[in-house]
N, C-alpha and C. Protein backbone atom coordinates (compact mmCIF):
# COMPACT_ATOMS: atom_id res chain seq x y z
N MET A 1 2.53 16.05 24.74
CA MET A 1 1.51 15.07 24.08
C MET A 1 0.38 15.94 23.26
N LEU A 2 -0.23 17.08 23.59
CA LEU A 2 -0.95 17.78 23.17
C LEU A 2 -0.86 17.94 21.64
N LYS A 3 0.57 18.42 21.52
CA LYS A 3 0.94 18.73 19.82
C LYS A 3 0.82 17.29 18.92
N MET A 4 1.04 16.23 19.44
CA MET A 4 1.15 15.00 18.97
C MET A 4 -0.26 14.57 18.63
N ASN A 5 -1.07 15.12 19.55
CA ASN A 5 -2.75 14.51 19.51
C ASN A 5 -3.31 15.36 18.11
N GLU A 6 -2.80 16.82 18.30
CA GLU A 6 -3.26 17.57 17.33
C GLU A 6 -2.62 17.23 15.97
N ASP A 7 -1.37 16.95 15.81
CA ASP A 7 -0.75 16.41 14.66
C ASP A 7 -1.61 15.14 14.03
N LEU A 8 -1.94 14.06 14.96
CA LEU A 8 -2.66 13.17 14.59
C LEU A 8 -4.14 13.35 14.14
N GLU A 9 -4.88 14.14 14.99
CA GLU A 9 -6.07 14.51 14.21
C GLU A 9 -6.30 15.32 12.94
N GLY A 10 -5.10 16.23 12.62
CA GLY A 10 -4.92 16.83 11.52
C GLY A 10 -4.79 15.88 10.41
N ALA A 11 -3.79 14.86 10.76
CA ALA A 11 -3.33 13.96 9.67
C ALA A 11 -4.53 13.01 9.40
N LEU A 12 -5.47 12.68 10.31
CA LEU A 12 -6.47 11.86 9.86
C LEU A 12 -7.33 12.31 9.10
N LYS A 13 -7.64 13.85 9.31
CA LYS A 13 -8.56 14.70 8.38
C LYS A 13 -8.17 14.55 6.90
N ALA A 14 -6.85 14.99 6.99
CA ALA A 14 -6.14 15.11 5.60
C ALA A 14 -6.20 13.65 4.86
N TYR A 15 -5.97 12.73 5.60
CA TYR A 15 -5.86 11.42 4.93
C TYR A 15 -7.28 11.12 4.35
N LEU A 16 -8.37 11.28 5.03
CA LEU A 16 -9.49 11.06 4.59
C LEU A 16 -9.96 11.74 3.31
N VAL A 17 -9.45 13.11 3.09
CA VAL A 17 -9.50 13.89 1.87
C VAL A 17 -8.80 13.29 0.70
N LEU A 18 -7.53 12.97 1.08
CA LEU A 18 -6.75 12.47 0.18
C LEU A 18 -7.19 11.30 -0.60
N LEU A 19 -7.53 10.43 0.33
CA LEU A 19 -8.28 9.00 -0.04
C LEU A 19 -9.48 9.14 -0.83
N ASP A 20 -10.17 10.07 -0.62
CA ASP A 20 -11.42 10.48 -1.47
C ASP A 20 -10.94 10.86 -2.84
N GLU A 21 -9.81 11.54 -2.93
CA GLU A 21 -9.13 12.33 -4.17
C GLU A 21 -8.55 11.33 -4.84
N GLY A 22 -8.07 10.38 -4.36
CA GLY A 22 -7.38 8.97 -4.74
C GLY A 22 -5.82 9.24 -4.83
N GLU A 23 -5.48 10.11 -4.05
CA GLU A 23 -4.09 10.49 -3.77
C GLU A 23 -3.32 9.66 -2.63
N TYR A 24 -3.47 8.50 -2.99
CA TYR A 24 -2.94 7.42 -2.00
C TYR A 24 -1.60 7.84 -1.76
N PHE A 25 -0.55 8.16 -2.24
CA PHE A 25 0.81 8.26 -2.07
C PHE A 25 0.63 9.29 -1.16
N GLU A 26 0.02 10.45 -1.18
CA GLU A 26 -0.02 11.57 -0.47
C GLU A 26 -0.84 11.49 0.91
N ALA A 27 -1.62 10.59 0.96
CA ALA A 27 -2.50 10.07 2.16
C ALA A 27 -1.35 9.37 2.90
N HIS A 28 -0.41 8.62 2.22
CA HIS A 28 0.33 7.83 3.14
C HIS A 28 1.40 8.78 3.65
N GLU A 29 1.87 9.83 3.19
CA GLU A 29 2.90 10.65 3.55
C GLU A 29 2.24 11.58 4.86
N VAL A 30 1.14 11.88 4.86
CA VAL A 30 0.54 12.45 5.60
C VAL A 30 0.28 11.74 7.01
N MET A 31 -0.09 10.50 6.64
CA MET A 31 -0.10 9.63 8.15
C MET A 31 1.23 9.41 8.64
N GLU A 32 2.24 9.26 7.84
CA GLU A 32 3.55 8.87 8.31
C GLU A 32 4.05 9.78 9.14
N GLU A 33 3.82 11.05 8.55
CA GLU A 33 4.33 12.26 9.49
C GLU A 33 3.98 12.14 10.89
N ALA A 34 2.57 11.81 11.06
CA ALA A 34 1.89 11.93 12.25
C ALA A 34 2.11 10.69 13.06
N TRP A 35 2.77 9.62 12.14
CA TRP A 35 3.22 8.20 13.03
C TRP A 35 4.57 8.33 13.53
N HIS A 36 5.59 9.21 12.84
CA HIS A 36 7.11 9.23 13.41
C HIS A 36 6.83 9.49 14.94
N PRO A 37 6.13 10.26 15.37
CA PRO A 37 6.52 10.60 16.97
C PRO A 37 5.73 9.49 17.72
N LEU A 38 4.75 8.92 17.20
CA LEU A 38 4.00 7.73 17.82
C LEU A 38 4.90 6.51 17.95
N ARG A 39 5.89 6.15 16.78
CA ARG A 39 6.33 4.82 16.75
C ARG A 39 7.10 4.58 17.71
N LEU A 40 7.94 5.63 18.39
CA LEU A 40 8.78 5.29 19.53
C LEU A 40 8.05 5.59 21.01
N SER A 41 6.75 5.67 20.99
CA SER A 41 6.28 6.02 22.32
C SER A 41 5.25 4.60 22.49
N ASP A 42 4.58 4.64 23.55
CA ASP A 42 3.89 3.55 23.69
C ASP A 42 2.17 3.88 23.34
N HIS A 43 2.06 4.67 22.47
CA HIS A 43 1.11 5.17 22.10
C HIS A 43 0.08 3.96 21.60
N PRO A 44 -1.26 3.59 22.11
CA PRO A 44 -1.99 2.64 22.02
C PRO A 44 -2.21 2.53 20.44
N LEU A 45 -2.48 3.71 19.77
CA LEU A 45 -2.90 3.85 18.46
C LEU A 45 -1.70 3.68 17.34
N LYS A 46 -0.54 3.57 17.58
CA LYS A 46 0.64 3.71 16.83
C LYS A 46 0.44 2.38 15.55
N ASN A 47 0.15 1.19 16.01
CA ASN A 47 0.10 0.20 14.97
C ASN A 47 -1.19 0.48 14.13
N LEU A 48 -2.25 0.93 14.51
CA LEU A 48 -3.48 1.16 13.71
C LEU A 48 -2.90 2.25 12.74
N VAL A 49 -2.17 3.37 13.15
CA VAL A 49 -1.76 4.41 12.13
C VAL A 49 -0.85 3.69 11.14
N LYS A 50 -0.11 2.93 11.69
CA LYS A 50 0.82 2.41 10.62
C LYS A 50 0.17 1.39 9.62
N GLY A 51 -0.80 0.80 10.14
CA GLY A 51 -2.04 -0.03 9.19
C GLY A 51 -2.58 1.04 8.04
N LEU A 52 -3.01 2.13 8.55
CA LEU A 52 -3.55 3.10 7.46
C LEU A 52 -2.33 3.52 6.45
N ILE A 53 -1.42 3.90 7.06
CA ILE A 53 -0.22 4.08 6.24
C ILE A 53 0.01 3.23 5.29
N ASN A 54 -0.02 1.73 5.55
CA ASN A 54 0.33 0.69 4.57
C ASN A 54 -0.93 0.38 3.86
N SER A 55 -2.08 0.87 4.09
CA SER A 55 -3.14 0.44 3.23
C SER A 55 -3.10 1.38 2.17
N ALA A 56 -2.84 2.78 2.64
CA ALA A 56 -2.81 3.79 1.43
C ALA A 56 -1.65 3.45 0.53
N VAL A 57 -0.64 2.86 0.83
CA VAL A 57 0.53 2.12 -0.09
C VAL A 57 0.06 1.31 -0.95
N SER A 58 -0.90 0.29 -0.30
CA SER A 58 -1.35 -0.99 -1.04
C SER A 58 -2.21 0.14 -2.41
N PHE A 59 -3.02 0.78 -1.89
CA PHE A 59 -4.04 1.41 -3.08
C PHE A 59 -3.04 1.99 -4.16
N GLU A 60 -1.83 2.95 -3.86
CA GLU A 60 -0.80 3.12 -4.66
C GLU A 60 -0.39 2.23 -5.68
N HIS A 61 -0.11 1.13 -5.07
CA HIS A 61 0.58 -0.02 -5.91
C HIS A 61 -0.45 -0.34 -6.98
N LEU A 62 -1.90 -0.42 -6.72
CA LEU A 62 -2.94 -0.78 -7.61
C LEU A 62 -2.94 0.32 -8.84
N LYS A 63 -3.18 1.49 -8.10
CA LYS A 63 -3.23 2.82 -9.11
C LYS A 63 -2.09 2.91 -9.99
N ARG A 64 -0.87 2.57 -9.78
CA ARG A 64 0.16 2.79 -10.59
C ARG A 64 0.21 1.46 -11.33
N ASN A 65 -0.44 0.58 -11.17
CA ASN A 65 -0.44 -0.79 -12.07
C ASN A 65 0.60 -1.52 -12.24
N ARG A 66 1.84 -1.43 -11.44
CA ARG A 66 3.07 -1.74 -11.47
C ARG A 66 2.96 -3.32 -11.68
N LYS A 67 4.34 -3.95 -11.64
CA LYS A 67 4.40 -5.41 -11.96
C LYS A 67 4.00 -5.97 -10.54
N ASP A 68 3.34 -6.97 -10.64
CA ASP A 68 2.93 -7.56 -9.36
C ASP A 68 2.47 -6.82 -8.22
N ALA A 69 1.37 -5.71 -8.94
CA ALA A 69 0.64 -4.75 -8.04
C ALA A 69 -0.23 -5.53 -7.00
N ALA A 70 -1.01 -6.36 -7.41
CA ALA A 70 -1.95 -7.02 -6.60
C ALA A 70 -1.33 -7.85 -5.30
N ARG A 71 -0.26 -8.30 -5.89
CA ARG A 71 0.70 -9.16 -4.78
C ARG A 71 1.07 -8.32 -3.65
N LYS A 72 1.44 -7.14 -4.26
CA LYS A 72 2.19 -6.32 -3.39
C LYS A 72 1.42 -5.46 -2.32
N ALA A 73 0.19 -5.11 -3.02
CA ALA A 73 -0.88 -4.54 -2.32
C ALA A 73 -1.38 -5.55 -1.24
N LEU A 74 -1.57 -6.77 -1.63
CA LEU A 74 -2.17 -7.56 -0.48
C LEU A 74 -1.11 -7.56 0.53
N ARG A 75 0.24 -7.84 0.24
CA ARG A 75 1.01 -8.02 1.43
C ARG A 75 1.14 -6.69 1.95
N VAL A 76 1.15 -5.61 1.53
CA VAL A 76 1.13 -4.45 2.20
C VAL A 76 0.05 -4.02 3.23
N MET A 77 -1.06 -4.73 2.65
CA MET A 77 -2.38 -4.45 3.28
C MET A 77 -2.29 -5.09 4.79
N GLU A 78 -1.36 -6.30 5.09
CA GLU A 78 -1.43 -7.06 6.09
C GLU A 78 -1.33 -6.28 7.35
N SER A 79 -0.82 -5.16 7.32
CA SER A 79 -0.68 -4.44 8.53
C SER A 79 -1.91 -3.80 9.14
N TYR A 80 -2.65 -3.23 8.17
CA TYR A 80 -4.01 -2.78 8.26
C TYR A 80 -5.01 -3.89 8.97
N GLU A 81 -4.64 -4.95 8.14
CA GLU A 81 -5.68 -6.05 8.67
C GLU A 81 -5.31 -6.61 10.12
N LYS A 82 -4.42 -6.58 10.33
CA LYS A 82 -3.69 -6.94 11.75
C LYS A 82 -4.10 -6.15 12.76
N HIS A 83 -4.08 -4.86 12.53
CA HIS A 83 -4.50 -3.89 13.70
C HIS A 83 -5.61 -3.34 13.52
N LYS A 84 -6.60 -3.45 12.37
CA LYS A 84 -7.83 -2.58 12.45
C LYS A 84 -8.73 -3.08 13.61
N GLY A 85 -8.32 -4.13 14.08
CA GLY A 85 -9.40 -4.60 15.31
C GLY A 85 -9.32 -3.78 16.35
N ILE A 86 -8.22 -2.91 16.51
CA ILE A 86 -8.09 -2.15 18.10
C ILE A 86 -8.97 -1.05 17.90
N TYR A 87 -9.36 -0.86 16.63
CA TYR A 87 -10.41 0.48 16.63
C TYR A 87 -11.41 0.29 17.91
N SER A 88 -12.06 1.30 18.22
CA SER A 88 -13.26 1.04 19.08
C SER A 88 -13.99 2.58 19.12
N ASP A 89 -15.07 2.84 20.00
CA ASP A 89 -15.63 3.91 20.03
C ASP A 89 -14.78 4.74 21.17
N GLU A 90 -14.15 3.99 21.88
CA GLU A 90 -13.43 4.66 22.97
C GLU A 90 -12.09 5.35 22.89
N ILE A 91 -11.48 4.92 21.56
CA ILE A 91 -10.25 5.50 21.37
C ILE A 91 -10.34 6.87 21.03
N GLU A 92 -9.12 7.35 21.24
CA GLU A 92 -9.05 8.77 20.69
C GLU A 92 -9.24 9.22 19.37
N PHE A 93 -10.01 10.08 19.01
CA PHE A 93 -10.33 10.40 17.37
C PHE A 93 -11.18 9.48 16.79
N ALA A 94 -11.97 8.64 17.63
CA ALA A 94 -12.54 7.27 17.26
C ALA A 94 -13.25 7.64 15.91
N SER A 95 -14.09 8.83 15.80
CA SER A 95 -15.09 8.89 14.41
C SER A 95 -14.07 9.03 13.46
N LEU A 96 -12.87 9.68 13.49
CA LEU A 96 -12.02 9.77 12.19
C LEU A 96 -11.19 8.30 11.87
N PHE A 97 -10.89 7.81 13.10
CA PHE A 97 -10.43 6.36 12.69
C PHE A 97 -11.33 5.46 12.04
N LYS A 98 -12.79 5.57 12.46
CA LYS A 98 -13.86 4.69 11.99
C LYS A 98 -13.94 5.20 10.30
N LYS A 99 -14.04 6.46 10.08
CA LYS A 99 -14.29 6.89 8.61
C LYS A 99 -13.13 6.46 7.83
N ALA A 100 -11.90 6.37 8.50
CA ALA A 100 -10.59 5.91 7.79
C ALA A 100 -10.91 4.53 7.50
N CYS A 101 -10.99 3.58 8.45
CA CYS A 101 -11.28 2.08 8.14
C CYS A 101 -12.56 2.00 7.25
N GLU A 102 -13.74 2.64 7.24
CA GLU A 102 -14.64 2.66 6.35
C GLU A 102 -14.17 2.84 4.95
N LYS A 103 -13.32 3.90 4.76
CA LYS A 103 -13.19 4.16 3.46
C LYS A 103 -11.85 3.02 3.15
N ILE A 104 -10.96 2.65 3.77
CA ILE A 104 -10.09 1.46 3.31
C ILE A 104 -11.17 0.17 2.89
N GLU A 105 -12.12 -0.26 3.81
CA GLU A 105 -13.01 -1.35 3.39
C GLU A 105 -13.68 -1.26 2.19
N LYS A 106 -14.18 0.26 1.69
CA LYS A 106 -14.99 0.62 0.71
C LYS A 106 -13.91 0.43 -0.78
N LEU A 107 -12.62 0.89 -0.43
CA LEU A 107 -11.60 0.91 -1.40
C LEU A 107 -11.16 -0.71 -1.76
N LYS A 108 -11.20 -1.56 -0.80
CA LYS A 108 -10.53 -2.77 -0.97
C LYS A 108 -11.92 -3.44 -1.68
N SER A 109 -13.16 -3.22 -1.24
CA SER A 109 -14.53 -3.80 -2.02
C SER A 109 -14.26 -3.29 -3.69
N GLU A 110 -13.49 -2.41 -4.19
CA GLU A 110 -13.52 -1.99 -5.34
C GLU A 110 -12.53 -2.95 -6.17
N HIS A 111 -11.68 -3.53 -5.29
CA HIS A 111 -10.65 -4.66 -5.92
C HIS A 111 -10.73 -6.14 -5.55
N PRO A 112 -11.97 -6.37 -5.73
CA PRO A 112 -12.41 -7.80 -5.37
C PRO A 112 -11.28 -8.90 -5.67
N GLY A 113 -10.89 -8.73 -6.80
CA GLY A 113 -9.74 -9.68 -7.23
C GLY A 113 -8.72 -9.56 -6.52
N VAL A 114 -8.35 -8.65 -5.65
CA VAL A 114 -7.13 -8.51 -5.02
C VAL A 114 -7.40 -9.00 -3.50
N PHE A 115 -8.33 -8.12 -2.83
CA PHE A 115 -8.71 -8.36 -1.37
C PHE A 115 -9.97 -9.22 -1.27
């Protein structure tokens, strides 16, 4: 379990940097790597991690301005919206999850026509 926790902490730190750099696809990849061992476990944060992965994908859709980007971004963001509420100060790596959620909310505010 220690390795999984270290991987999650490192992934969250990298995710934050990548979001700041506008590297949304890479942010998605980093978190997905940490999510893989969580997805088959009863880890209480696995759904929030999946939501962060999906939120990064949302911004990648918008960044690439693909056909139906806004619709796709909104649909993919549903996972984040559904699970962001499990964040609390008592969860493991709370400050990192808080920063990640704050960054997602800031990015959402930069796309008012979508979110």
